[in-house]
């Protein structure tokens, strides 16, 4: 849903979408780093 809405209003909300994607990427990276750290500590 979010992707479709974003594509429909891509031109008008390009900067907003970029900000959202950047924040999502940061969250995913942090989660991956934490998960890998937990796995390493368990091993």
PDB file of N, CA and C in Angstrom:
ATOM      1  N   UNK A   1       0.833  -1.211   0.000  1.00  0.00           N
ATOM      2  CA  UNK A   1       0.000   0.000   0.000  1.00  0.00           C
ATOM      3  C   UNK A   1       0.865   1.258   0.000  1.00  0.00           C
ATOM      4  N   UNK A   2       1.816   1.307   0.930  1.00  0.00           N
ATOM      5  CA  UNK A   2       2.678   2.487   1.008  1.00  0.00           C
ATOM      6  C   UNK A   2       3.429   2.691  -0.300  1.00  0.00           C
ATOM      7  N   UNK A   3       3.904   1.593  -0.892  1.00  0.00           N
ATOM      8  CA  UNK A   3       4.659   1.730  -2.143  1.00  0.00           C
ATOM      9  C   UNK A   3       3.775   2.309  -3.243  1.00  0.00           C
ATOM     10  N   UNK A   4       2.547   1.807  -3.353  1.00  0.00           N
ATOM     11  CA  UNK A   4       1.651   2.312  -4.400  1.00  0.00           C
ATOM     12  C   UNK A   4       1.368   3.793  -4.200  1.00  0.00           C
ATOM     13  N   UNK A   5       1.051   4.183  -2.967  1.00  0.00           N
ATOM     14  CA  UNK A   5       0.769   5.599  -2.700  1.00  0.00           C
ATOM     15  C   UNK A   5       2.001   6.439  -3.015  1.00  0.00           C
ATOM     16  N   UNK A   6       3.166   5.942  -2.635  1.00  0.00           N
ATOM     17  CA  UNK A   6       4.391   6.697  -2.881  1.00  0.00           C
ATOM     18  C   UNK A   6       4.648   6.865  -4.370  1.00  0.00           C
ATOM     19  N   UNK A   7       4.420   5.788  -5.143  1.00  0.00           N
ATOM     20  CA  UNK A   7       4.654   5.885  -6.583  1.00  0.00           C
ATOM     21  C   UNK A   7       3.668   6.854  -7.225  1.00  0.00           C
ATOM     22  N   UNK A   8       2.432   6.870  -6.728  1.00  0.00           N
ATOM     23  CA  UNK A   8       1.427   7.771  -7.305  1.00  0.00           C
ATOM     24  C   UNK A   8       1.825   9.233  -7.103  1.00  0.00           C
ATOM     25  N   UNK A   9       2.344   9.550  -5.928  1.00  0.00           N
ATOM     26  CA  UNK A   9       2.701  10.948  -5.637  1.00  0.00           C
ATOM     27  C   UNK A   9       4.214  11.097  -5.538  1.00  0.00           C
ATOM     28  N   UNK A  10       4.934  10.386  -6.410  1.00  0.00           N
ATOM     29  CA  UNK A  10       6.396  10.366  -6.339  1.00  0.00           C
ATOM     30  C   UNK A  10       6.985  11.749  -6.580  1.00  0.00           C
ATOM     31  N   UNK A  11       6.505  12.418  -7.592  1.00  0.00           N
ATOM     32  CA  UNK A  11       7.099  13.712  -7.946  1.00  0.00           C
ATOM     33  C   UNK A  11       6.919  14.732  -6.836  1.00  0.00           C
ATOM     34  N   UNK A  12       5.740  14.755  -6.220  1.00  0.00           N
ATOM     35  CA  UNK A  12       5.450  15.785  -5.216  1.00  0.00           C
ATOM     36  C   UNK A  12       6.063  15.448  -3.863  1.00  0.00           C
ATOM     37  N   UNK A  13       6.272  14.164  -3.602  1.00  0.00           N
ATOM     38  CA  UNK A  13       6.759  13.777  -2.270  1.00  0.00           C
ATOM     39  C   UNK A  13       8.071  13.011  -2.340  1.00  0.00           C
ATOM     40  N   UNK A  14       8.903  13.357  -3.310  1.00  0.00           N
ATOM     41  CA  UNK A  14      10.158  12.626  -3.483  1.00  0.00           C
ATOM     42  C   UNK A  14      11.036  12.750  -2.244  1.00  0.00           C
ATOM     43  N   UNK A  15      11.180  13.984  -1.729  1.00  0.00           N
ATOM     44  CA  UNK A  15      12.046  14.193  -0.571  1.00  0.00           C
ATOM     45  C   UNK A  15      11.515  13.461   0.651  1.00  0.00           C
ATOM     46  N   UNK A  16      10.193  13.516   0.851  1.00  0.00           N
ATOM     47  CA  UNK A  16       9.606  12.832   2.001  1.00  0.00           C
ATOM     48  C   UNK A  16       9.866  11.330   1.917  1.00  0.00           C
ATOM     49  N   UNK A  17       9.688  10.769   0.719  1.00  0.00           N
ATOM     50  CA  UNK A  17       9.916   9.334   0.553  1.00  0.00           C
ATOM     51  C   UNK A  17      11.368   8.984   0.840  1.00  0.00           C
ATOM     52  N   UNK A  18      12.281   9.825   0.346  1.00  0.00           N
ATOM     53  CA  UNK A  18      13.694   9.552   0.594  1.00  0.00           C
ATOM     54  C   UNK A  18      13.983   9.559   2.085  1.00  0.00           C
ATOM     55  N   UNK A  19      13.386  10.498   2.806  1.00  0.00           N
ATOM     56  CA  UNK A  19      13.592  10.551   4.260  1.00  0.00           C
ATOM     57  C   UNK A  19      13.055   9.289   4.915  1.00  0.00           C
ATOM     58  N   UNK A  20      11.858   8.876   4.503  1.00  0.00           N
ATOM     59  CA  UNK A  20      11.252   7.670   5.084  1.00  0.00           C
ATOM     60  C   UNK A  20      12.120   6.451   4.809  1.00  0.00           C
ATOM     61  N   UNK A  21      12.561   6.297   3.563  1.00  0.00           N
ATOM     62  CA  UNK A  21      13.392   5.143   3.220  1.00  0.00           C
ATOM     63  C   UNK A  21      14.697   5.163   3.998  1.00  0.00           C
ATOM     64  N   UNK A  22      15.286   6.363   4.181  1.00  0.00           N
ATOM     65  CA  UNK A  22      16.535   6.462   4.935  1.00  0.00           C
ATOM     66  C   UNK A  22      16.317   6.021   6.375  1.00  0.00           C
ATOM     67  N   UNK A  23      15.234   6.478   6.992  1.00  0.00           N
ATOM     68  CA  UNK A  23      14.964   6.104   8.386  1.00  0.00           C
ATOM     69  C   UNK A  23      14.716   4.603   8.494  1.00  0.00           C
ATOM     70  N   UNK A  24      13.977   4.034   7.533  1.00  0.00           N
ATOM     71  CA  UNK A  24      13.718   2.594   7.554  1.00  0.00           C
ATOM     72  C   UNK A  24      15.033   1.831   7.420  1.00  0.00           C
ATOM     73  N   UNK A  25      15.889   2.282   6.513  1.00  0.00           N
ATOM     74  CA  UNK A  25      17.177   1.623   6.329  1.00  0.00           C
ATOM     75  C   UNK A  25      18.005   1.652   7.604  1.00  0.00           C
ATOM     76  N   UNK A  26      18.002   2.797   8.290  1.00  0.00           N
ATOM     77  CA  UNK A  26      18.758   2.899   9.535  1.00  0.00           C
ATOM     78  C   UNK A  26      18.222   1.921  10.571  1.00  0.00           C
ATOM     79  N   UNK A  27      16.900   1.834  10.697  1.00  0.00           N
ATOM     80  CA  UNK A  27      16.296   0.915  11.663  1.00  0.00           C
ATOM     81  C   UNK A  27      16.678  -0.522  11.337  1.00  0.00           C
ATOM     82  N   UNK A  28      16.597  -0.891  10.063  1.00  0.00           N
ATOM     83  CA  UNK A  28      16.938  -2.257   9.659  1.00  0.00           C
ATOM     84  C   UNK A  28      18.397  -2.548   9.965  1.00  0.00           C
ATOM     85  N   UNK A  29      19.278  -1.595   9.639  1.00  0.00           N
ATOM     86  CA  UNK A  29      20.704  -1.796   9.904  1.00  0.00           C
ATOM     87  C   UNK A  29      20.947  -2.011  11.386  1.00  0.00           C
ATOM     88  N   UNK A  30      20.321  -1.184  12.226  1.00  0.00           N
ATOM     89  CA  UNK A  30      20.511  -1.315  13.671  1.00  0.00           C
ATOM     90  C   UNK A  30      20.040  -2.675  14.147  1.00  0.00           C
ATOM     91  N   UNK A  31      18.892  -3.122  13.658  1.00  0.00           N
ATOM     92  CA  UNK A  31      18.372  -4.428  14.072  1.00  0.00           C
ATOM     93  C   UNK A  31      19.320  -5.536  13.648  1.00  0.00           C
ATOM     94  N   UNK A  32      19.844  -5.455  12.426  1.00  0.00           N
ATOM     95  CA  UNK A  32      20.768  -6.480  11.938  1.00  0.00           C
ATOM     96  C   UNK A  32      22.025  -6.494  12.795  1.00  0.00           C
ATOM     97  N   UNK A  33      22.541  -5.307  13.095  1.00  0.00           N
ATOM     98  CA  UNK A  33      23.763  -5.230  13.905  1.00  0.00           C
ATOM     99  C   UNK A  33      23.519  -5.842  15.277  1.00  0.00           C
ATOM    100  N   UNK A  34      22.381  -5.506  15.882  1.00  0.00           N
ATOM    101  CA  UNK A  34      22.069  -6.047  17.206  1.00  0.00           C
ATOM    102  C   UNK A  34      21.924  -7.556  17.140  1.00  0.00           C
ATOM    103  N   UNK A  35      21.225  -8.050  16.127  1.00  0.00           N
ATOM    104  CA  UNK A  35      21.014  -9.490  15.991  1.00  0.00           C
ATOM    105  C   UNK A  35      22.347 -10.209  15.814  1.00  0.00           C
ATOM    106  N   UNK A  36      23.207  -9.689  14.955  1.00  0.00           N
ATOM    107  CA  UNK A  36      24.509 -10.324  14.730  1.00  0.00           C
ATOM    108  C   UNK A  36      25.336 -10.297  16.004  1.00  0.00           C
ATOM    109  N   UNK A  37      25.278  -9.186  16.745  1.00  0.00           N
ATOM    110  CA  UNK A  37      26.024  -9.096  18.005  1.00  0.00           C
ATOM    111  C   UNK A  37      25.504 -10.135  18.990  1.00  0.00           C
ATOM    112  N   UNK A  38      24.188 -10.300  19.061  1.00  0.00           N
ATOM    113  CA  UNK A  38      23.617 -11.293  19.967  1.00  0.00           C
ATOM    114  C   UNK A  38      24.065 -12.695  19.566  1.00  0.00           C
ATOM    115  N   UNK A  39      24.038 -12.986  18.276  1.00  0.00           N
ATOM    116  CA  UNK A  39      24.461 -14.309  17.815  1.00  0.00           C
ATOM    117  C   UNK A  39      25.926 -14.555  18.166  1.00  0.00           C
ATOM    118  N   UNK A  40      26.769 -13.562  17.947  1.00  0.00           N
ATOM    119  CA  UNK A  40      28.189 -13.720  18.255  1.00  0.00           C
ATOM    120  C   UNK A  40      28.392 -13.948  19.746  1.00  0.00           C
ATOM    121  N   UNK A  41      27.667 -13.208  20.581  1.00  0.00           N
ATOM    122  CA  UNK A  41      27.820 -13.363  22.029  1.00  0.00           C
ATOM    123  C   UNK A  41      27.343 -14.750  22.460  1.00  0.00           C
ATOM    124  N   UNK A  42      26.295 -15.260  21.818  1.00  0.00           N
ATOM    125  CA  UNK A  42      25.795 -16.592  22.163  1.00  0.00           C
ATOM    126  C   UNK A  42      26.793 -17.656  21.745  1.00  0.00           C
ATOM    127  N   UNK A  43      27.410 -17.469  20.595  1.00  0.00           N
ATOM    128  CA  UNK A  43      28.389 -18.453  20.138  1.00  0.00           C
ATOM    129  C   UNK A  43      29.633 -18.379  21.010  1.00  0.00           C
TER     130      UNK A  43
END
